[in-house]
Amino acid sequence: MPFLRAQDTISGQEGRAYATINGVVEEMFYVTNIEATAEKNKAEIRTLGRRGVQNKTTGWTGTGSMTIYYITSRFRQLMLDYIKNGIDTYFDITITNEDPTSATGRQTITLRDVNLNSVVLASLNTDAEALTEDVEFTFEDVDMPEVFSAVTPG
């Protein structure tokens, strides 16, 4: 019976993330967790001859969140630019998973037109060993230039 070898799972620490903001690429070494989700938007459709409701996909929505160490002012600057000047910045985030012990290889996802929902402007916490902040965002498009290789079962 085939099984997944533990060494082929992907370590959450083995990866990189980059933000491309106004043409400048910045490594996001301060990320502790990032997750992006594409969700289908569906409409309920009722038809003659069928008692049940059917569903039709009508589009999709991209949302995400990240937890970062509170060591960069970059996202606060983007929010302040919107608050003070009305300039809303859209940017890209590229996330690569690559665990050298796994036979799966590398996967790269680029989230296009990322737009921040909320940003922590100031933070103090005497109980925290290290300050972190949660940042929620939306995105408008996505590319996957690299995909994981098929894993051979053990």
N, C-alpha and C. Protein backbone atom coordinates (compact mmCIF):
# COMPACT_ATOMS: atom_id res chain seq x y z
N MET A 1 0.85 -1.18 0.00
CA MET A 1 0.00 0.00 0.00
C MET A 1 0.89 1.25 0.00
N PRO A 2 0.67 2.18 -0.92
CA PRO A 2 1.51 3.39 -0.98
C PRO A 2 1.22 4.31 0.20
N PHE A 3 2.22 5.09 0.58
CA PHE A 3 2.06 6.04 1.68
C PHE A 3 2.93 7.26 1.42
N LEU A 4 2.57 8.36 2.07
CA LEU A 4 3.34 9.60 1.97
C LEU A 4 4.50 9.53 2.95
N ARG A 5 5.70 9.77 2.45
CA ARG A 5 6.87 9.81 3.32
C ARG A 5 6.90 11.16 4.04
N ALA A 6 7.15 11.11 5.33
CA ALA A 6 7.17 12.34 6.14
C ALA A 6 8.15 13.36 5.60
N GLN A 7 9.26 12.90 5.07
CA GLN A 7 10.27 13.83 4.55
C GLN A 7 9.78 14.63 3.35
N ASP A 8 8.69 14.18 2.70
CA ASP A 8 8.17 14.90 1.54
C ASP A 8 7.14 15.96 1.90
N THR A 9 6.76 16.06 3.18
CA THR A 9 5.90 17.17 3.58
C THR A 9 6.74 18.45 3.57
N ILE A 10 6.07 19.57 3.53
CA ILE A 10 6.76 20.86 3.40
C ILE A 10 6.84 21.55 4.76
N SER A 11 8.05 21.87 5.17
CA SER A 11 8.24 22.63 6.41
C SER A 11 7.76 24.05 6.19
N GLY A 12 7.00 24.57 7.14
CA GLY A 12 6.48 25.93 7.04
C GLY A 12 7.55 27.01 7.10
N GLN A 13 8.73 26.66 7.58
CA GLN A 13 9.83 27.64 7.66
C GLN A 13 10.65 27.70 6.38
N GLU A 14 10.48 26.72 5.50
CA GLU A 14 11.28 26.65 4.28
C GLU A 14 10.56 27.38 3.15
N GLY A 15 10.78 28.66 3.08
CA GLY A 15 10.15 29.44 2.02
C GLY A 15 10.61 30.87 2.07
N ARG A 16 10.09 31.63 1.12
CA ARG A 16 10.41 33.05 1.02
C ARG A 16 9.17 33.80 0.55
N ALA A 17 9.12 35.07 0.90
CA ALA A 17 8.05 35.94 0.42
C ALA A 17 8.66 37.28 0.04
N TYR A 18 8.19 37.82 -1.07
CA TYR A 18 8.67 39.11 -1.56
C TYR A 18 7.47 39.99 -1.90
N ALA A 19 7.57 41.26 -1.56
CA ALA A 19 6.56 42.25 -1.96
C ALA A 19 7.18 43.14 -3.03
N THR A 20 6.44 43.38 -4.09
CA THR A 20 6.87 44.32 -5.12
C THR A 20 5.93 45.52 -5.03
N ILE A 21 6.46 46.61 -4.44
CA ILE A 21 5.66 47.81 -4.18
C ILE A 21 6.26 48.96 -4.97
N ASN A 22 5.45 49.53 -5.86
CA ASN A 22 5.92 50.63 -6.72
C ASN A 22 7.22 50.28 -7.43
N GLY A 23 7.32 49.03 -7.90
CA GLY A 23 8.48 48.59 -8.66
C GLY A 23 9.68 48.17 -7.84
N VAL A 24 9.60 48.32 -6.51
CA VAL A 24 10.72 47.96 -5.64
C VAL A 24 10.41 46.60 -4.99
N VAL A 25 11.36 45.65 -5.13
CA VAL A 25 11.18 44.31 -4.55
C VAL A 25 11.80 44.30 -3.16
N GLU A 26 10.99 43.87 -2.19
CA GLU A 26 11.44 43.83 -0.79
C GLU A 26 11.22 42.43 -0.25
N GLU A 27 12.28 41.81 0.29
CA GLU A 27 12.10 40.50 0.91
C GLU A 27 11.33 40.67 2.22
N MET A 28 10.31 39.85 2.39
CA MET A 28 9.46 39.95 3.58
C MET A 28 9.95 38.96 4.64
N PHE A 29 11.18 39.13 5.08
CA PHE A 29 11.79 38.24 6.08
C PHE A 29 11.09 38.33 7.43
N TYR A 30 10.28 39.33 7.62
CA TYR A 30 9.59 39.56 8.89
C TYR A 30 8.25 38.82 8.99
N VAL A 31 7.87 38.06 7.95
CA VAL A 31 6.61 37.31 7.96
C VAL A 31 6.75 36.08 8.84
N THR A 32 5.77 35.85 9.71
CA THR A 32 5.75 34.61 10.49
C THR A 32 4.68 33.66 9.96
N ASN A 33 3.69 34.22 9.27
CA ASN A 33 2.61 33.41 8.73
C ASN A 33 1.93 34.22 7.63
N ILE A 34 1.67 33.57 6.50
CA ILE A 34 0.92 34.23 5.43
C ILE A 34 0.04 33.17 4.78
N GLU A 35 -1.19 33.56 4.49
CA GLU A 35 -2.12 32.64 3.86
C GLU A 35 -3.05 33.44 2.95
N ALA A 36 -3.23 32.93 1.74
CA ALA A 36 -4.13 33.56 0.77
C ALA A 36 -5.13 32.52 0.30
N THR A 37 -6.38 32.95 0.13
CA THR A 37 -7.46 32.04 -0.24
C THR A 37 -8.25 32.62 -1.40
N ALA A 38 -8.54 31.78 -2.39
CA ALA A 38 -9.46 32.14 -3.46
C ALA A 38 -10.78 31.44 -3.19
N GLU A 39 -11.85 32.21 -3.12
CA GLU A 39 -13.16 31.64 -2.84
C GLU A 39 -14.10 31.96 -3.99
N LYS A 40 -14.82 30.94 -4.47
CA LYS A 40 -15.80 31.15 -5.53
C LYS A 40 -17.01 31.89 -4.98
N ASN A 41 -17.54 32.83 -5.76
CA ASN A 41 -18.82 33.46 -5.47
C ASN A 41 -19.87 32.66 -6.23
N LYS A 42 -20.94 32.28 -5.56
CA LYS A 42 -21.96 31.46 -6.19
C LYS A 42 -23.33 32.08 -6.02
N ALA A 43 -24.17 31.87 -7.03
CA ALA A 43 -25.57 32.29 -6.97
C ALA A 43 -26.44 31.04 -6.90
N GLU A 44 -27.48 31.11 -6.09
CA GLU A 44 -28.43 30.01 -6.03
C GLU A 44 -29.42 30.16 -7.18
N ILE A 45 -29.58 29.11 -7.95
CA ILE A 45 -30.45 29.14 -9.12
C ILE A 45 -31.56 28.10 -8.94
N ARG A 46 -32.79 28.56 -9.07
CA ARG A 46 -33.95 27.67 -9.01
C ARG A 46 -34.43 27.47 -10.44
N THR A 47 -34.72 26.23 -10.80
CA THR A 47 -35.18 25.92 -12.15
C THR A 47 -36.44 25.07 -12.10
N LEU A 48 -37.21 25.13 -13.17
CA LEU A 48 -38.40 24.31 -13.30
C LEU A 48 -38.01 22.85 -13.37
N GLY A 49 -38.82 22.01 -12.81
CA GLY A 49 -38.59 20.57 -12.87
C GLY A 49 -37.58 20.06 -11.87
N ARG A 50 -37.12 20.92 -11.01
CA ARG A 50 -36.15 20.51 -9.99
C ARG A 50 -36.49 21.18 -8.67
N ARG A 51 -36.68 20.38 -7.66
CA ARG A 51 -37.07 20.95 -6.36
C ARG A 51 -35.88 21.56 -5.62
N GLY A 52 -34.73 21.01 -5.85
CA GLY A 52 -33.53 21.51 -5.17
C GLY A 52 -32.99 22.77 -5.82
N VAL A 53 -32.22 23.48 -5.06
CA VAL A 53 -31.55 24.68 -5.56
C VAL A 53 -30.21 24.26 -6.14
N GLN A 54 -29.90 24.79 -7.31
CA GLN A 54 -28.59 24.54 -7.91
C GLN A 54 -27.71 25.76 -7.66
N ASN A 55 -26.42 25.58 -7.86
CA ASN A 55 -25.47 26.67 -7.64
C ASN A 55 -24.69 26.94 -8.91
N LYS A 56 -24.53 28.22 -9.20
CA LYS A 56 -23.75 28.63 -10.37
C LYS A 56 -22.64 29.56 -9.91
N THR A 57 -21.43 29.25 -10.32
CA THR A 57 -20.30 30.11 -9.99
C THR A 57 -20.40 31.40 -10.81
N THR A 58 -20.29 32.53 -10.12
CA THR A 58 -20.43 33.83 -10.78
C THR A 58 -19.16 34.68 -10.68
N GLY A 59 -18.13 34.17 -10.06
CA GLY A 59 -16.89 34.93 -9.92
C GLY A 59 -16.07 34.37 -8.77
N TRP A 60 -15.12 35.13 -8.31
CA TRP A 60 -14.29 34.70 -7.19
C TRP A 60 -13.79 35.91 -6.44
N THR A 61 -13.35 35.67 -5.21
CA THR A 61 -12.80 36.71 -4.35
C THR A 61 -11.49 36.22 -3.76
N GLY A 62 -10.47 37.04 -3.80
CA GLY A 62 -9.18 36.69 -3.21
C GLY A 62 -8.97 37.45 -1.91
N THR A 63 -8.76 36.72 -0.82
CA THR A 63 -8.49 37.35 0.47
C THR A 63 -7.28 36.69 1.11
N GLY A 64 -6.68 37.40 2.03
CA GLY A 64 -5.53 36.83 2.71
C GLY A 64 -5.24 37.55 4.00
N SER A 65 -4.32 36.94 4.75
CA SER A 65 -3.87 37.55 5.99
C SER A 65 -2.43 37.13 6.23
N MET A 66 -1.73 37.96 6.95
CA MET A 66 -0.37 37.63 7.33
C MET A 66 -0.11 38.16 8.73
N THR A 67 0.72 37.43 9.44
CA THR A 67 1.22 37.89 10.73
C THR A 67 2.68 38.22 10.51
N ILE A 68 3.06 39.41 10.93
CA ILE A 68 4.44 39.85 10.74
C ILE A 68 4.98 40.39 12.06
N TYR A 69 6.30 40.30 12.20
CA TYR A 69 6.93 40.95 13.34
C TYR A 69 6.79 42.46 13.16
N TYR A 70 6.56 43.14 14.25
CA TYR A 70 6.34 44.58 14.26
C TYR A 70 7.69 45.30 14.14
N ILE A 71 8.31 45.15 12.97
CA ILE A 71 9.64 45.75 12.78
C ILE A 71 9.75 46.55 11.49
N THR A 72 8.66 46.65 10.74
CA THR A 72 8.69 47.43 9.51
C THR A 72 7.59 48.48 9.53
N SER A 73 7.90 49.64 9.01
CA SER A 73 6.91 50.71 8.91
C SER A 73 6.29 50.76 7.52
N ARG A 74 6.72 49.86 6.63
CA ARG A 74 6.31 49.90 5.23
C ARG A 74 4.79 49.92 5.05
N PHE A 75 4.07 49.04 5.72
CA PHE A 75 2.63 48.96 5.54
C PHE A 75 1.92 50.15 6.21
N ARG A 76 2.46 50.63 7.31
CA ARG A 76 1.92 51.83 7.93
C ARG A 76 2.07 53.04 7.00
N GLN A 77 3.22 53.10 6.31
CA GLN A 77 3.43 54.19 5.36
C GLN A 77 2.40 54.14 4.23
N LEU A 78 2.11 52.93 3.73
CA LEU A 78 1.10 52.80 2.68
C LEU A 78 -0.27 53.25 3.17
N MET A 79 -0.63 52.87 4.39
CA MET A 79 -1.92 53.27 4.94
C MET A 79 -1.97 54.78 5.16
N LEU A 80 -0.90 55.36 5.67
CA LEU A 80 -0.87 56.81 5.89
C LEU A 80 -0.95 57.56 4.57
N ASP A 81 -0.35 57.01 3.50
CA ASP A 81 -0.44 57.65 2.19
C ASP A 81 -1.89 57.70 1.72
N TYR A 82 -2.65 56.66 2.05
CA TYR A 82 -4.07 56.67 1.70
C TYR A 82 -4.84 57.65 2.60
N ILE A 83 -4.59 57.60 3.90
CA ILE A 83 -5.30 58.46 4.85
C ILE A 83 -5.05 59.94 4.55
N LYS A 84 -3.79 60.31 4.32
CA LYS A 84 -3.43 61.72 4.15
C LYS A 84 -3.62 62.23 2.72
N ASN A 85 -3.37 61.36 1.72
CA ASN A 85 -3.33 61.84 0.33
C ASN A 85 -4.34 61.16 -0.59
N GLY A 86 -5.04 60.14 -0.08
CA GLY A 86 -6.00 59.43 -0.92
C GLY A 86 -5.37 58.49 -1.92
N ILE A 87 -4.08 58.21 -1.77
CA ILE A 87 -3.37 57.32 -2.70
C ILE A 87 -3.42 55.91 -2.15
N ASP A 88 -4.14 55.04 -2.84
CA ASP A 88 -4.30 53.65 -2.43
C ASP A 88 -3.35 52.80 -3.26
N THR A 89 -2.41 52.15 -2.61
CA THR A 89 -1.38 51.39 -3.30
C THR A 89 -1.76 49.93 -3.44
N TYR A 90 -1.62 49.42 -4.65
CA TYR A 90 -1.78 47.99 -4.95
C TYR A 90 -0.41 47.45 -5.27
N PHE A 91 -0.11 46.25 -4.79
CA PHE A 91 1.22 45.68 -5.00
C PHE A 91 1.11 44.17 -5.13
N ASP A 92 2.22 43.51 -5.43
CA ASP A 92 2.26 42.06 -5.60
C ASP A 92 3.02 41.41 -4.46
N ILE A 93 2.62 40.20 -4.08
CA ILE A 93 3.36 39.39 -3.13
C ILE A 93 3.64 38.04 -3.79
N THR A 94 4.90 37.65 -3.80
CA THR A 94 5.31 36.35 -4.33
C THR A 94 5.77 35.47 -3.19
N ILE A 95 5.17 34.27 -3.11
CA ILE A 95 5.45 33.33 -2.03
C ILE A 95 5.99 32.04 -2.65
N THR A 96 7.15 31.62 -2.18
CA THR A 96 7.76 30.37 -2.67
C THR A 96 7.92 29.41 -1.51
N ASN A 97 7.41 28.19 -1.69
CA ASN A 97 7.63 27.09 -0.76
C ASN A 97 8.71 26.21 -1.38
N GLU A 98 9.77 25.95 -0.62
CA GLU A 98 10.85 25.09 -1.13
C GLU A 98 11.58 24.46 0.04
N ASP A 99 11.24 23.23 0.32
CA ASP A 99 11.87 22.48 1.40
C ASP A 99 12.89 21.54 0.76
N PRO A 100 14.18 21.74 1.01
CA PRO A 100 15.20 20.92 0.34
C PRO A 100 15.16 19.44 0.69
N THR A 101 14.50 19.07 1.78
CA THR A 101 14.41 17.64 2.14
C THR A 101 13.24 16.95 1.44
N SER A 102 12.37 17.71 0.81
CA SER A 102 11.18 17.14 0.17
C SER A 102 11.42 16.91 -1.31
N ALA A 103 10.89 15.82 -1.82
CA ALA A 103 10.99 15.52 -3.25
C ALA A 103 9.99 16.32 -4.07
N THR A 104 9.15 17.12 -3.41
CA THR A 104 8.12 17.87 -4.13
C THR A 104 8.67 19.07 -4.89
N GLY A 105 9.88 19.48 -4.58
CA GLY A 105 10.46 20.62 -5.27
C GLY A 105 9.94 21.94 -4.75
N ARG A 106 9.63 22.83 -5.69
CA ARG A 106 9.29 24.20 -5.33
C ARG A 106 7.95 24.60 -5.95
N GLN A 107 7.18 25.40 -5.21
CA GLN A 107 5.96 26.01 -5.73
C GLN A 107 6.04 27.51 -5.48
N THR A 108 5.67 28.29 -6.49
CA THR A 108 5.66 29.73 -6.36
C THR A 108 4.29 30.26 -6.76
N ILE A 109 3.74 31.10 -5.91
CA ILE A 109 2.46 31.76 -6.15
C ILE A 109 2.70 33.27 -6.09
N THR A 110 2.17 34.00 -7.07
CA THR A 110 2.23 35.46 -7.03
C THR A 110 0.82 36.01 -6.93
N LEU A 111 0.58 36.72 -5.85
CA LEU A 111 -0.70 37.40 -5.64
C LEU A 111 -0.59 38.77 -6.28
N ARG A 112 -1.49 39.09 -7.18
CA ARG A 112 -1.44 40.35 -7.93
C ARG A 112 -2.43 41.36 -7.36
N ASP A 113 -2.03 42.60 -7.40
CA ASP A 113 -2.88 43.71 -6.96
C ASP A 113 -3.38 43.51 -5.54
N VAL A 114 -2.46 43.25 -4.65
CA VAL A 114 -2.76 43.13 -3.22
C VAL A 114 -3.11 44.51 -2.69
N ASN A 115 -4.16 44.57 -1.87
CA ASN A 115 -4.58 45.83 -1.27
C ASN A 115 -4.88 45.58 0.21
N LEU A 116 -4.29 46.38 1.07
CA LEU A 116 -4.43 46.20 2.51
C LEU A 116 -5.81 46.59 3.00
N ASN A 117 -6.37 45.78 3.90
CA ASN A 117 -7.65 46.10 4.55
C ASN A 117 -7.44 46.91 5.81
N SER A 118 -6.47 46.48 6.61
CA SER A 118 -6.23 47.14 7.89
C SER A 118 -4.76 47.01 8.26
N VAL A 119 -4.29 47.97 9.01
CA VAL A 119 -2.90 48.00 9.45
C VAL A 119 -2.86 48.49 10.88
N VAL A 120 -2.06 47.86 11.72
CA VAL A 120 -1.83 48.35 13.08
C VAL A 120 -0.95 49.59 12.98
N LEU A 121 -1.44 50.70 13.49
CA LEU A 121 -0.65 51.93 13.42
C LEU A 121 0.33 52.06 14.57
N ALA A 122 -0.04 51.60 15.75
CA ALA A 122 0.85 51.68 16.91
C ALA A 122 0.59 50.49 17.81
N SER A 123 1.65 50.02 18.50
CA SER A 123 1.49 48.85 19.34
C SER A 123 2.48 48.88 20.50
N LEU A 124 1.98 48.53 21.66
CA LEU A 124 2.79 48.27 22.85
C LEU A 124 2.17 47.07 23.54
N ASN A 125 2.99 46.20 24.13
CA ASN A 125 2.46 45.05 24.83
C ASN A 125 3.54 44.55 25.78
N THR A 126 3.38 44.78 27.06
CA THR A 126 4.41 44.40 28.02
C THR A 126 4.50 42.89 28.22
N ASP A 127 3.48 42.14 27.81
CA ASP A 127 3.50 40.68 27.94
C ASP A 127 4.13 39.99 26.73
N ALA A 128 4.35 40.71 25.66
CA ALA A 128 4.86 40.10 24.43
C ALA A 128 6.38 39.99 24.45
N GLU A 129 6.88 38.82 24.09
CA GLU A 129 8.33 38.66 23.93
C GLU A 129 8.79 39.39 22.67
N ALA A 130 7.96 39.37 21.65
CA ALA A 130 8.24 40.10 20.41
C ALA A 130 6.89 40.59 19.88
N LEU A 131 6.82 41.86 19.51
CA LEU A 131 5.58 42.41 18.98
C LEU A 131 5.32 41.86 17.58
N THR A 132 4.06 41.48 17.33
CA THR A 132 3.63 41.07 16.00
C THR A 132 2.38 41.86 15.65
N GLU A 133 2.02 41.81 14.38
CA GLU A 133 0.78 42.43 13.94
C GLU A 133 0.14 41.57 12.87
N ASP A 134 -1.18 41.59 12.82
CA ASP A 134 -1.94 40.87 11.81
C ASP A 134 -2.39 41.87 10.75
N VAL A 135 -2.15 41.52 9.49
CA VAL A 135 -2.50 42.37 8.37
C VAL A 135 -3.41 41.58 7.44
N GLU A 136 -4.60 42.11 7.19
CA GLU A 136 -5.53 41.46 6.26
C GLU A 136 -5.50 42.20 4.93
N PHE A 137 -5.74 41.45 3.85
CA PHE A 137 -5.67 42.05 2.52
C PHE A 137 -6.60 41.33 1.55
N THR A 138 -6.79 41.96 0.41
CA THR A 138 -7.47 41.34 -0.72
C THR A 138 -6.48 41.31 -1.88
N PHE A 139 -6.77 40.48 -2.89
CA PHE A 139 -5.97 40.49 -4.11
C PHE A 139 -6.89 40.25 -5.29
N GLU A 140 -6.47 40.71 -6.47
CA GLU A 140 -7.33 40.71 -7.64
C GLU A 140 -7.00 39.62 -8.66
N ASP A 141 -5.79 39.07 -8.61
CA ASP A 141 -5.37 38.06 -9.58
C ASP A 141 -4.28 37.21 -8.95
N VAL A 142 -3.97 36.10 -9.58
CA VAL A 142 -2.96 35.19 -9.04
C VAL A 142 -2.31 34.43 -10.19
N ASP A 143 -1.02 34.17 -10.06
CA ASP A 143 -0.26 33.35 -11.01
C ASP A 143 0.46 32.27 -10.23
N MET A 144 0.72 31.14 -10.90
CA MET A 144 1.48 30.05 -10.29
C MET A 144 2.55 29.60 -11.30
N PRO A 145 3.68 30.33 -11.37
CA PRO A 145 4.72 30.00 -12.35
C PRO A 145 5.47 28.70 -12.06
N GLU A 146 5.46 28.24 -10.81
CA GLU A 146 6.13 26.98 -10.47
C GLU A 146 5.18 26.13 -9.64
N VAL A 147 5.10 24.84 -9.98
CA VAL A 147 4.22 23.91 -9.27
C VAL A 147 5.06 22.80 -8.65
N PHE A 148 4.53 22.22 -7.56
CA PHE A 148 5.19 21.10 -6.93
C PHE A 148 5.27 19.92 -7.90
N SER A 149 6.32 19.14 -7.79
CA SER A 149 6.46 17.90 -8.54
C SER A 149 5.57 16.83 -7.92
N ALA A 150 5.20 15.85 -8.72
CA ALA A 150 4.46 14.72 -8.19
C ALA A 150 5.38 13.93 -7.27
N VAL A 151 4.85 13.51 -6.14
CA VAL A 151 5.63 12.75 -5.16
C VAL A 151 5.45 11.28 -5.44
N THR A 152 6.56 10.56 -5.42
CA THR A 152 6.51 9.10 -5.55
C THR A 152 6.20 8.51 -4.19
N PRO A 153 5.14 7.71 -4.08
CA PRO A 153 4.81 7.12 -2.78
C PRO A 153 5.89 6.20 -2.27
N GLY A 154 5.93 6.09 -0.94
CA GLY A 154 6.90 5.18 -0.32
C GLY A 154 6.40 3.76 -0.33
